[in-house]
N, C-alpha and C. Protein backbone atom coordinates (compact mmCIF):
# COMPACT_ATOMS: atom_id res chain seq x y z
N MET A 1 -33.69 1.47 3.25
CA MET A 1 -33.34 1.48 4.41
C MET A 1 -32.06 3.01 4.33
N SER A 2 -32.04 3.67 5.52
CA SER A 2 -31.34 4.94 5.72
C SER A 2 -29.91 4.77 5.77
N LEU A 3 -29.38 5.51 5.32
CA LEU A 3 -28.11 5.83 5.02
C LEU A 3 -27.24 5.72 6.73
N PRO A 4 -26.34 5.32 7.33
CA PRO A 4 -25.97 5.57 8.70
C PRO A 4 -25.66 6.77 9.21
N ASN A 5 -25.58 7.02 10.13
CA ASN A 5 -25.37 8.56 10.69
C ASN A 5 -23.77 8.49 10.80
N LEU A 6 -23.27 9.49 9.86
CA LEU A 6 -21.82 9.65 9.73
C LEU A 6 -21.09 10.42 10.51
N GLY A 7 -21.91 11.07 11.86
CA GLY A 7 -21.12 11.69 12.53
C GLY A 7 -20.63 13.31 12.39
N ARG A 8 -19.55 13.59 13.23
CA ARG A 8 -19.18 14.74 13.06
C ARG A 8 -18.06 14.64 12.07
N PHE A 9 -18.05 15.94 11.05
CA PHE A 9 -17.03 16.30 9.87
C PHE A 9 -15.68 16.79 10.43
N ALA A 10 -15.93 18.00 11.30
CA ALA A 10 -14.95 18.79 11.48
C ALA A 10 -14.11 18.19 12.59
N THR A 11 -13.12 17.46 12.47
CA THR A 11 -12.15 16.86 13.21
C THR A 11 -10.67 16.76 12.39
N LEU A 12 -9.89 16.88 13.29
CA LEU A 12 -8.35 16.54 13.07
C LEU A 12 -8.15 15.58 12.02
N PRO A 13 -8.65 14.12 12.39
CA PRO A 13 -8.35 13.13 11.42
C PRO A 13 -8.99 13.17 10.09
N ASN A 14 -10.41 14.03 10.15
CA ASN A 14 -10.81 14.29 8.61
C ASN A 14 -10.14 15.19 7.77
N PHE A 15 -9.57 16.36 8.55
CA PHE A 15 -8.88 17.12 8.08
C PHE A 15 -7.34 16.64 7.47
N MET A 16 -6.95 15.74 7.99
CA MET A 16 -5.65 15.21 7.79
C MET A 16 -5.88 14.31 6.45
N SER A 17 -7.06 13.88 6.33
CA SER A 17 -7.83 12.93 5.01
C SER A 17 -7.81 13.76 3.85
N LEU A 18 -8.31 14.91 4.33
CA LEU A 18 -8.37 16.12 3.31
C LEU A 18 -6.95 16.57 2.71
N LEU A 19 -5.84 16.78 3.61
CA LEU A 19 -4.42 16.94 3.50
C LEU A 19 -4.29 16.28 2.20
N ARG A 20 -4.51 15.01 1.88
CA ARG A 20 -3.87 13.99 1.00
C ARG A 20 -4.60 14.46 -0.05
N ILE A 21 -5.69 14.93 -0.15
CA ILE A 21 -6.33 15.50 -1.73
C ILE A 21 -5.45 16.57 -2.17
N LEU A 22 -5.31 17.65 -0.94
CA LEU A 22 -4.76 18.89 -1.23
C LEU A 22 -3.39 18.94 -1.77
N LEU A 23 -2.49 17.90 -1.51
CA LEU A 23 -1.27 17.65 -1.65
C LEU A 23 -1.02 17.14 -3.20
N VAL A 24 -2.07 16.65 -3.78
CA VAL A 24 -2.09 16.24 -5.19
C VAL A 24 -1.33 17.25 -6.01
N PRO A 25 -1.78 18.68 -6.27
CA PRO A 25 -1.34 19.37 -7.23
C PRO A 25 0.04 19.72 -6.99
N PHE A 26 0.25 19.79 -5.61
CA PHE A 26 1.79 20.43 -5.65
C PHE A 26 2.69 19.41 -5.83
N LEU A 27 2.47 17.86 -5.82
CA LEU A 27 3.23 16.84 -6.31
C LEU A 27 3.46 16.72 -7.65
N GLY A 28 2.00 17.21 -8.40
CA GLY A 28 2.16 16.98 -9.61
C GLY A 28 2.92 18.05 -10.23
N VAL A 29 3.19 19.37 -9.67
CA VAL A 29 3.90 20.32 -10.10
C VAL A 29 5.55 20.05 -9.65
N ALA A 30 5.87 19.04 -8.36
CA ALA A 30 7.16 18.60 -8.59
C ALA A 30 7.59 17.56 -9.07
N LEU A 31 6.38 16.74 -9.60
CA LEU A 31 6.89 15.17 -10.61
C LEU A 31 7.06 16.10 -12.10
N ARG A 32 6.66 17.34 -12.29
CA ARG A 32 6.67 17.89 -13.79
C ARG A 32 8.19 18.48 -13.76
N ALA A 33 8.79 18.48 -12.94
CA ALA A 33 10.03 19.25 -12.82
C ALA A 33 11.15 18.44 -14.08
N PRO A 34 11.60 19.07 -14.80
CA PRO A 34 12.53 18.42 -15.50
C PRO A 34 13.46 17.92 -15.20
N ASP A 35 13.95 18.43 -14.19
CA ASP A 35 15.05 17.74 -13.18
C ASP A 35 14.88 16.84 -12.00
N ALA A 36 14.79 15.61 -12.13
CA ALA A 36 14.05 14.65 -11.55
C ALA A 36 14.71 14.79 -10.16
N ASP A 37 16.17 14.81 -10.25
CA ASP A 37 17.19 14.97 -8.91
C ASP A 37 17.10 16.14 -8.08
N ALA A 38 16.62 17.30 -8.98
CA ALA A 38 16.64 18.32 -8.16
C ALA A 38 15.38 18.48 -7.07
N ALA A 39 14.39 18.13 -7.89
CA ALA A 39 12.85 17.82 -7.29
C ALA A 39 12.84 16.61 -6.17
N ARG A 40 13.44 15.74 -6.33
CA ARG A 40 13.54 14.67 -5.37
C ARG A 40 13.49 15.40 -3.88
N PRO A 41 13.77 16.11 -3.13
CA PRO A 41 13.52 16.48 -1.52
C PRO A 41 12.37 17.02 -1.60
N VAL A 42 11.50 17.53 -2.43
CA VAL A 42 10.03 18.16 -2.70
C VAL A 42 9.36 17.03 -2.79
N VAL A 43 9.43 15.98 -3.45
CA VAL A 43 8.94 15.09 -4.04
C VAL A 43 8.59 14.08 -2.72
N VAL A 44 9.88 13.90 -2.08
CA VAL A 44 9.92 13.01 -0.86
C VAL A 44 9.15 13.60 0.37
N GLY A 45 9.42 15.02 0.47
CA GLY A 45 8.85 15.79 1.61
C GLY A 45 7.10 15.79 1.58
N LEU A 46 6.98 15.90 0.40
CA LEU A 46 5.37 15.59 0.16
C LEU A 46 4.72 14.41 0.31
N LEU A 47 5.46 13.08 -0.49
CA LEU A 47 4.75 12.11 -0.08
C LEU A 47 5.23 11.45 1.25
N ALA A 48 6.04 11.87 1.91
CA ALA A 48 6.21 11.72 3.24
C ALA A 48 5.11 12.41 4.02
N LEU A 49 4.72 13.55 3.92
CA LEU A 49 3.58 14.33 4.29
C LEU A 49 2.19 13.36 4.29
N ALA A 50 2.05 13.12 2.84
CA ALA A 50 0.73 12.31 2.37
C ALA A 50 0.79 10.93 3.27
N PHE A 51 1.75 10.31 3.41
CA PHE A 51 1.72 8.54 4.24
C PHE A 51 1.53 9.10 5.49
N LEU A 52 2.47 10.05 6.46
CA LEU A 52 2.18 10.10 7.65
C LEU A 52 0.84 10.83 7.92
N SER A 53 -0.05 11.43 6.92
CA SER A 53 -1.05 12.05 7.15
C SER A 53 -1.94 10.44 7.18
N ASP A 54 -1.83 9.70 6.23
CA ASP A 54 -2.71 8.48 6.24
C ASP A 54 -2.37 7.72 7.33
N TRP A 55 -1.19 7.53 8.01
CA TRP A 55 -0.82 6.28 9.16
C TRP A 55 -1.41 7.20 10.04
N PHE A 56 -1.42 8.87 10.50
CA PHE A 56 -1.85 9.02 11.65
C PHE A 56 -3.38 9.34 11.75
N ASP A 57 -4.08 9.59 10.49
CA ASP A 57 -5.39 9.86 10.99
C ASP A 57 -6.35 9.08 11.67
N GLY A 58 -6.20 7.82 11.25
CA GLY A 58 -6.92 6.74 11.89
C GLY A 58 -6.48 6.69 13.04
N ARG A 59 -5.36 6.74 13.48
CA ARG A 59 -4.49 6.43 14.91
C ARG A 59 -5.25 7.69 15.92
N ILE A 60 -5.15 8.94 15.15
CA ILE A 60 -5.70 10.08 16.12
C ILE A 60 -7.01 10.04 16.46
N ALA A 61 -7.90 9.60 15.27
CA ALA A 61 -9.02 9.44 15.44
C ALA A 61 -9.72 8.49 16.59
N ARG A 62 -8.86 7.30 16.84
CA ARG A 62 -8.86 6.22 17.77
C ARG A 62 -8.42 6.88 19.26
N TRP A 63 -7.18 7.35 19.11
CA TRP A 63 -7.13 8.12 20.53
C TRP A 63 -7.53 9.24 21.01
N THR A 64 -8.05 9.94 19.88
CA THR A 64 -8.98 11.02 20.77
C THR A 64 -10.37 11.00 20.32
N ASN A 65 -11.10 9.61 20.38
CA ASN A 65 -12.14 9.02 20.25
C ASN A 65 -13.24 9.90 19.06
N GLN A 66 -12.44 10.27 18.05
CA GLN A 66 -13.29 11.15 17.34
C GLN A 66 -13.28 10.34 15.92
N GLU A 67 -13.51 8.76 16.21
CA GLU A 67 -13.71 8.09 15.32
C GLU A 67 -15.49 8.43 14.37
N SER A 68 -15.53 8.52 13.06
CA SER A 68 -16.56 8.65 12.58
C SER A 68 -17.03 8.13 11.27
N GLY A 69 -18.40 7.95 10.89
CA GLY A 69 -18.75 7.28 9.22
C GLY A 69 -18.08 8.45 8.60
N TRP A 70 -17.78 9.88 8.72
CA TRP A 70 -17.15 10.55 7.75
C TRP A 70 -15.78 9.95 7.68
N GLY A 71 -15.04 10.13 8.72
CA GLY A 71 -13.64 9.23 8.72
C GLY A 71 -13.61 7.95 7.78
N ARG A 72 -14.34 7.11 7.90
CA ARG A 72 -14.63 5.83 7.23
C ARG A 72 -14.73 6.09 5.94
N VAL A 73 -15.56 7.13 5.50
CA VAL A 73 -15.76 7.34 4.05
C VAL A 73 -14.53 8.18 3.42
N LEU A 74 -14.21 9.00 4.28
CA LEU A 74 -13.03 10.25 3.76
C LEU A 74 -11.69 9.58 3.60
N ASP A 75 -11.37 8.61 4.74
CA ASP A 75 -9.79 8.27 4.63
C ASP A 75 -9.54 7.32 3.40
N PRO A 76 -10.47 6.35 3.13
CA PRO A 76 -10.33 5.48 1.83
C PRO A 76 -10.68 6.47 0.78
N LEU A 77 -11.54 7.30 0.70
CA LEU A 77 -11.61 8.10 -0.33
C LEU A 77 -10.38 9.12 -0.60
N ALA A 78 -9.80 9.79 0.09
CA ALA A 78 -8.35 10.44 0.06
C ALA A 78 -7.55 9.66 -0.70
N ASP A 79 -7.62 8.32 0.06
CA ASP A 79 -6.62 7.70 -0.50
C ASP A 79 -6.53 7.31 -1.90
N LYS A 80 -7.86 7.03 -2.30
CA LYS A 80 -7.72 6.62 -3.86
C LYS A 80 -7.94 8.07 -4.88
N VAL A 81 -8.54 9.05 -4.09
CA VAL A 81 -7.96 10.13 -5.11
C VAL A 81 -6.58 10.74 -4.88
N PHE A 82 -6.00 10.32 -4.01
CA PHE A 82 -4.34 10.60 -4.04
C PHE A 82 -3.72 9.74 -5.04
N ILE A 83 -3.89 8.52 -4.73
CA ILE A 83 -3.12 7.63 -5.43
C ILE A 83 -3.68 7.78 -7.11
N ALA A 84 -5.09 8.40 -7.42
CA ALA A 84 -5.34 8.37 -8.92
C ALA A 84 -4.40 9.84 -9.37
N GLY A 85 -4.64 10.64 -8.44
CA GLY A 85 -3.98 11.82 -8.90
C GLY A 85 -2.62 12.07 -9.22
N VAL A 86 -1.71 11.41 -8.24
CA VAL A 86 -0.34 11.12 -8.40
C VAL A 86 -0.22 10.28 -9.61
N GLY A 87 -0.60 9.21 -9.71
CA GLY A 87 -0.35 8.06 -10.82
C GLY A 87 -0.51 9.18 -12.06
N ILE A 88 -1.48 9.53 -11.97
CA ILE A 88 -1.79 10.51 -13.20
C ILE A 88 -0.54 11.33 -13.77
N PHE A 89 -0.17 12.11 -12.59
CA PHE A 89 1.28 13.03 -13.04
C PHE A 89 2.14 11.86 -13.26
N LEU A 90 2.49 10.97 -12.73
CA LEU A 90 3.82 9.96 -13.26
C LEU A 90 3.48 9.37 -14.11
N VAL A 91 2.26 8.98 -14.70
CA VAL A 91 1.94 8.71 -16.08
C VAL A 91 2.50 9.78 -17.15
N ALA A 92 2.39 10.84 -17.09
CA ALA A 92 2.47 11.94 -17.58
C ALA A 92 3.73 12.15 -17.85
N PHE A 93 4.30 12.52 -16.93
CA PHE A 93 5.69 12.86 -16.36
C PHE A 93 6.85 11.97 -16.16
N ARG A 94 6.78 10.73 -15.76
CA ARG A 94 7.78 9.76 -15.21
C ARG A 94 7.57 8.34 -15.76
N GLY A 95 6.93 8.33 -16.25
CA GLY A 95 6.96 6.97 -17.45
C GLY A 95 5.90 5.55 -16.74
N PHE A 96 5.55 6.18 -15.71
CA PHE A 96 4.46 5.13 -15.14
C PHE A 96 3.54 4.32 -16.23
N PRO A 97 3.37 3.09 -16.14
CA PRO A 97 2.62 2.47 -16.88
C PRO A 97 1.30 2.85 -16.90
N ALA A 98 0.37 3.12 -18.00
CA ALA A 98 -0.87 3.91 -17.60
C ALA A 98 -1.88 2.34 -17.62
N TRP A 99 -1.56 1.51 -18.25
CA TRP A 99 -2.22 0.09 -17.85
C TRP A 99 -2.39 -0.05 -16.43
N LEU A 100 -1.02 0.12 -15.74
CA LEU A 100 -1.34 -0.18 -14.23
C LEU A 100 -2.36 0.77 -13.27
N LEU A 101 -2.27 1.80 -13.58
CA LEU A 101 -2.90 2.91 -13.09
C LEU A 101 -4.38 2.38 -13.36
N GLY A 102 -4.72 2.51 -14.72
CA GLY A 102 -6.02 2.27 -15.08
C GLY A 102 -6.74 0.75 -14.52
N LEU A 103 -5.57 -0.21 -14.08
CA LEU A 103 -6.18 -1.22 -13.13
C LEU A 103 -6.29 -0.89 -12.09
N ILE A 104 -5.87 -0.13 -11.37
CA ILE A 104 -5.98 0.44 -10.03
C ILE A 104 -7.28 1.33 -9.80
N VAL A 105 -7.55 2.05 -10.56
CA VAL A 105 -8.55 3.00 -10.92
C VAL A 105 -9.55 2.32 -10.96
N ALA A 106 -9.95 1.18 -12.11
CA ALA A 106 -10.91 0.33 -12.29
C ALA A 106 -11.46 -0.77 -11.04
N ARG A 107 -10.39 -1.15 -9.94
CA ARG A 107 -10.48 -1.82 -8.69
C ARG A 107 -11.09 -0.74 -7.95
N ASP A 108 -10.70 0.52 -7.86
CA ASP A 108 -11.35 1.42 -6.84
C ASP A 108 -12.49 1.65 -7.20
N LEU A 109 -13.01 1.94 -8.61
CA LEU A 109 -14.02 2.44 -8.66
C LEU A 109 -15.20 1.51 -8.61
N ALA A 110 -14.81 -0.07 -9.04
CA ALA A 110 -15.74 -1.11 -8.34
C ALA A 110 -15.71 -1.08 -6.90
N ILE A 111 -14.87 -0.88 -6.31
CA ILE A 111 -14.92 -1.00 -4.50
C ILE A 111 -15.78 0.07 -4.50
N VAL A 112 -15.68 1.21 -4.80
CA VAL A 112 -16.40 2.71 -4.18
C VAL A 112 -17.83 2.12 -4.80
N ALA A 113 -18.32 1.26 -5.85
CA ALA A 113 -19.55 1.46 -6.54
C ALA A 113 -20.57 -0.13 -5.20
N ALA A 114 -19.31 -0.86 -5.50
CA ALA A 114 -19.76 -1.70 -4.59
C ALA A 114 -20.40 -1.69 -2.73
N ALA A 115 -19.33 -0.73 -2.24
CA ALA A 115 -19.49 -0.26 -0.96
C ALA A 115 -20.54 0.75 -0.74
N SER A 116 -21.00 1.46 -1.89
CA SER A 116 -22.27 2.11 -1.56
C SER A 116 -23.29 1.31 -1.82
N LEU A 117 -23.51 0.38 -2.59
CA LEU A 117 -24.69 -0.76 -2.81
C LEU A 117 -24.66 -1.45 -0.96
N MET A 118 -23.40 -1.97 -0.38
CA MET A 118 -23.66 -2.40 0.54
C MET A 118 -23.92 -1.38 2.02
N ILE A 119 -23.56 0.22 1.77
CA ILE A 119 -24.08 1.03 2.58
C ILE A 119 -25.66 1.10 2.42
N ARG A 120 -26.20 1.09 1.56
CA ARG A 120 -27.42 1.06 1.08
C ARG A 120 -28.24 -0.01 1.85
N ARG A 121 -27.66 -1.41 1.65
CA ARG A 121 -28.16 -2.34 1.71
C ARG A 121 -28.17 -2.99 3.33
N VAL A 122 -27.16 -2.82 4.19
CA VAL A 122 -26.90 -2.97 5.37
C VAL A 122 -26.65 -1.55 6.51
N ALA A 123 -26.77 -0.65 5.76
CA ALA A 123 -26.70 0.91 6.36
C ALA A 123 -25.20 0.90 7.27
N THR A 124 -24.53 0.13 6.84
CA THR A 124 -23.15 0.33 7.61
C THR A 124 -21.80 0.80 6.85
N ILE A 125 -20.77 1.22 7.02
CA ILE A 125 -19.88 1.54 6.18
C ILE A 125 -18.54 0.21 6.11
N PRO A 126 -18.55 -0.29 5.10
CA PRO A 126 -17.47 -1.20 5.12
C PRO A 126 -16.06 -1.00 5.50
N HIS A 127 -15.26 -1.83 6.17
CA HIS A 127 -13.76 -1.56 6.64
C HIS A 127 -13.12 -1.91 5.30
N SER A 128 -12.00 -1.79 5.79
CA SER A 128 -10.77 -2.40 4.58
C SER A 128 -10.27 -3.51 5.45
N ASP A 129 -9.75 -4.25 4.78
CA ASP A 129 -9.22 -5.43 5.18
C ASP A 129 -7.18 -5.34 5.02
N ALA A 130 -7.00 -6.50 5.29
CA ALA A 130 -5.28 -6.79 5.30
C ALA A 130 -5.05 -6.95 3.68
N ILE A 131 -5.59 -7.70 3.20
CA ILE A 131 -5.16 -7.71 1.74
C ILE A 131 -5.20 -6.41 1.10
N GLY A 132 -6.40 -5.88 1.23
CA GLY A 132 -6.58 -4.23 0.44
C GLY A 132 -5.42 -3.61 1.11
N ARG A 133 -5.06 -3.55 2.22
CA ARG A 133 -4.10 -2.64 2.84
C ARG A 133 -2.70 -2.91 2.22
N ILE A 134 -2.41 -4.26 2.21
CA ILE A 134 -1.48 -4.62 1.76
C ILE A 134 -1.27 -4.29 -0.03
N ALA A 135 -2.10 -4.32 -0.53
CA ALA A 135 -2.31 -4.19 -1.88
C ALA A 135 -2.01 -2.88 -2.27
N MET A 136 -2.60 -1.75 -1.55
CA MET A 136 -2.02 -0.26 -1.70
C MET A 136 -0.59 -0.04 -1.29
N CYS A 137 -0.61 -0.59 -0.16
CA CYS A 137 1.26 -0.23 0.41
C CYS A 137 2.36 -0.94 -0.94
N VAL A 138 1.76 -1.81 -1.43
CA VAL A 138 2.60 -2.42 -2.68
C VAL A 138 2.46 -1.63 -3.73
N PHE A 139 1.46 -0.94 -4.28
CA PHE A 139 1.33 -0.07 -5.14
C PHE A 139 1.91 1.34 -5.20
N SER A 140 1.65 1.51 -3.82
CA SER A 140 2.15 2.68 -3.20
C SER A 140 3.81 2.83 -3.74
N LEU A 141 4.69 1.84 -2.94
CA LEU A 141 5.86 1.55 -3.32
C LEU A 141 6.16 1.47 -4.87
N ALA A 142 5.16 1.13 -5.80
CA ALA A 142 5.34 1.29 -6.94
C ALA A 142 5.67 2.78 -7.49
N LEU A 143 4.64 3.42 -7.19
CA LEU A 143 4.63 4.75 -7.32
C LEU A 143 5.70 5.45 -6.59
N LEU A 144 6.10 5.20 -5.39
CA LEU A 144 7.27 5.53 -4.89
C LEU A 144 8.69 5.39 -5.87
N ALA A 145 8.86 4.27 -6.49
CA ALA A 145 9.70 3.98 -7.47
C ALA A 145 9.85 4.77 -8.59
N TYR A 146 8.65 5.01 -9.23
CA TYR A 146 8.38 5.89 -10.75
C TYR A 146 8.66 7.55 -10.05
N ALA A 147 8.14 7.76 -8.92
CA ALA A 147 8.45 9.22 -8.51
C ALA A 147 9.84 9.66 -8.01
N LEU A 148 10.72 8.77 -7.51
CA LEU A 148 11.90 9.22 -7.14
C LEU A 148 12.87 9.45 -8.14
N PRO A 149 13.16 8.63 -9.27
CA PRO A 149 12.76 7.36 -9.79
C PRO A 149 13.90 6.44 -9.46
N VAL A 150 13.64 5.16 -9.03
CA VAL A 150 14.49 4.10 -8.50
C VAL A 150 14.36 3.09 -9.56
N ALA A 151 14.98 3.18 -10.86
CA ALA A 151 14.54 2.32 -12.03
C ALA A 151 14.91 0.64 -11.58
N ALA A 152 15.30 0.18 -10.54
CA ALA A 152 15.64 -1.17 -10.66
C ALA A 152 14.52 -1.90 -10.02
N ALA A 153 13.70 -1.02 -9.20
CA ALA A 153 12.36 -1.33 -8.35
C ALA A 153 11.51 -1.28 -9.28
N GLN A 154 11.19 -0.43 -10.21
CA GLN A 154 10.10 -0.31 -11.05
C GLN A 154 9.28 -1.10 -11.45
N VAL A 155 9.53 -1.94 -12.39
CA VAL A 155 8.94 -3.38 -13.17
C VAL A 155 8.64 -4.18 -11.95
N PRO A 156 9.59 -4.62 -10.91
CA PRO A 156 9.19 -5.89 -10.00
C PRO A 156 8.09 -5.24 -9.14
N LEU A 157 7.97 -4.05 -8.80
CA LEU A 157 6.76 -3.39 -7.89
C LEU A 157 5.63 -3.09 -8.79
N ALA A 158 5.94 -2.86 -9.92
CA ALA A 158 4.57 -2.87 -10.88
C ALA A 158 3.76 -4.46 -11.01
N TRP A 159 4.60 -5.25 -11.05
CA TRP A 159 4.16 -6.81 -11.18
C TRP A 159 3.39 -7.24 -9.62
N ALA A 160 4.34 -6.90 -8.88
CA ALA A 160 3.78 -7.53 -7.55
C ALA A 160 2.67 -6.47 -7.14
N SER A 161 2.33 -5.22 -7.64
CA SER A 161 1.28 -4.56 -7.59
C SER A 161 -0.19 -5.51 -8.03
N VAL A 162 0.36 -5.71 -9.49
CA VAL A 162 -1.01 -6.69 -10.54
C VAL A 162 -1.26 -8.02 -9.34
N ALA A 163 -0.20 -8.46 -8.93
CA ALA A 163 -0.81 -9.52 -7.85
C ALA A 163 -1.71 -9.33 -6.73
N PHE A 164 -1.11 -8.33 -6.16
CA PHE A 164 -1.81 -8.10 -4.99
C PHE A 164 -3.20 -7.42 -5.38
N VAL A 165 -3.48 -6.52 -6.20
CA VAL A 165 -4.54 -6.02 -6.67
C VAL A 165 -5.51 -7.37 -7.19
N ALA A 166 -4.92 -8.41 -7.45
CA ALA A 166 -5.87 -9.62 -7.93
C ALA A 166 -6.19 -10.44 -6.87
N LEU A 167 -5.41 -10.46 -5.65
CA LEU A 167 -5.77 -10.88 -4.48
C LEU A 167 -6.67 -10.06 -3.79
N SER A 168 -6.53 -8.76 -3.87
CA SER A 168 -7.57 -7.85 -3.22
C SER A 168 -8.95 -8.07 -3.77
N VAL A 169 -8.75 -7.94 -4.86
CA VAL A 169 -9.95 -8.00 -5.79
C VAL A 169 -10.94 -9.17 -5.30
N GLY A 170 -10.14 -10.58 -5.39
CA GLY A 170 -10.65 -11.43 -4.66
C GLY A 170 -11.35 -11.50 -3.45
N SER A 171 -10.33 -11.11 -2.39
CA SER A 171 -10.79 -10.82 -0.97
C SER A 171 -12.30 -10.02 -1.12
N TYR A 172 -12.26 -8.92 -2.03
CA TYR A 172 -13.54 -8.11 -1.69
C TYR A 172 -14.44 -8.98 -2.35
N ALA A 173 -14.65 -9.65 -3.56
CA ALA A 173 -15.59 -10.22 -3.67
C ALA A 173 -16.28 -11.55 -3.21
N ARG A 174 -15.21 -12.36 -2.17
CA ARG A 174 -15.84 -12.75 -1.41
C ARG A 174 -16.67 -11.92 -0.23
N ALA A 175 -16.45 -11.33 -0.03
CA ALA A 175 -16.60 -10.33 1.38
C ALA A 175 -18.14 -9.50 0.64
N PHE A 176 -18.22 -9.44 -0.13
CA PHE A 176 -19.08 -8.83 -0.98
C PHE A 176 -20.15 -9.78 -0.96
N ALA A 177 -19.75 -10.80 -1.66
CA ALA A 177 -20.70 -12.35 -1.79
C ALA A 177 -21.32 -12.67 -0.50
N ALA A 178 -20.37 -12.59 0.29
CA ALA A 178 -20.95 -12.86 1.77
C ALA A 178 -21.80 -12.40 2.38
N MET A 179 -21.74 -10.64 2.17
CA MET A 179 -22.56 -9.59 2.40
C MET A 179 -23.86 -9.76 2.04
N THR A 180 -23.98 -10.33 0.44
CA THR A 180 -25.22 -10.47 -0.34
C THR A 180 -26.09 -11.29 0.48
N ARG A 181 -25.44 -12.47 0.77
CA ARG A 181 -25.98 -13.77 1.44
C ARG A 181 -26.53 -13.43 2.60
N GLY A 182 -26.28 -12.47 3.63
CA GLY A 182 -26.54 -11.78 4.54
C GLY A 182 -25.93 -12.01 5.42
N ALA A 183 -24.40 -12.60 5.30
CA ALA A 183 -23.74 -12.45 6.44
C ALA A 183 -23.08 -11.10 7.10
N GLY A 184 -23.83 -10.51 7.36
CA GLY A 184 -23.71 -8.83 7.63
C GLY A 184 -22.27 -8.77 8.48
N GLY A 185 -21.50 -7.61 8.29
CA GLY A 185 -20.23 -7.34 9.22
C GLY A 185 -18.99 -7.99 8.41
N ALA A 186 -18.98 -8.34 7.27
CA ALA A 186 -18.11 -8.78 6.58
C ALA A 186 -17.10 -7.78 6.47
N GLN A 187 -15.67 -7.69 6.50
CA GLN A 187 -14.82 -6.59 6.43
C GLN A 187 -14.40 -6.71 4.85
N VAL A 188 -14.53 -5.43 4.00
CA VAL A 188 -14.54 -5.27 2.77
C VAL A 188 -13.13 -4.71 2.41
N SER A 189 -12.72 -4.73 1.41
CA SER A 189 -11.21 -4.05 0.91
C SER A 189 -11.69 -2.88 0.28
N SER A 190 -11.10 -1.69 1.01
CA SER A 190 -11.31 -0.11 0.63
C SER A 190 -10.32 0.44 0.45
N ARG A 191 -9.19 -0.19 0.53
CA ARG A 191 -7.82 0.62 0.08
C ARG A 191 -7.48 -0.33 -1.06
């Protein structure tokens, strides 16, 4: 079976997704600053830009009728690259737990591998589901707690991330199992 037509690449929403990837090295420089308080406005600004680009890219695609297969691939991929890149800098410079980043990266690699298999089997690009989006929101809050740094929120958000990642893996596994049994159209967590 052939891959689906991904449509037009050169759209504002797709460039907004690419922006998140391009912000990673700049965030790395800001997070490496020895004075976290002095770097805080830059970190907050770059994170806000990344989160706004993530929030608006899909909405702009729908509002302007620019939804495409590229966007459905690029948006979650940009999210994964952004999260992993920022996570690596936080592990290196701000004490973020490497095991938690490893858990997220392992989950995301499994999602990408399974989504690739599903694209080949049913020639469609899977969507994210609510549990996957919530899991990434909680994990993003954990990253934010380490990036700013807000010590009181770090450990609770790290453990909440673990719980929601487990829930999203379960949701993803159920959707993948349903798809492999022939229940096409299953929603899949890609965030």
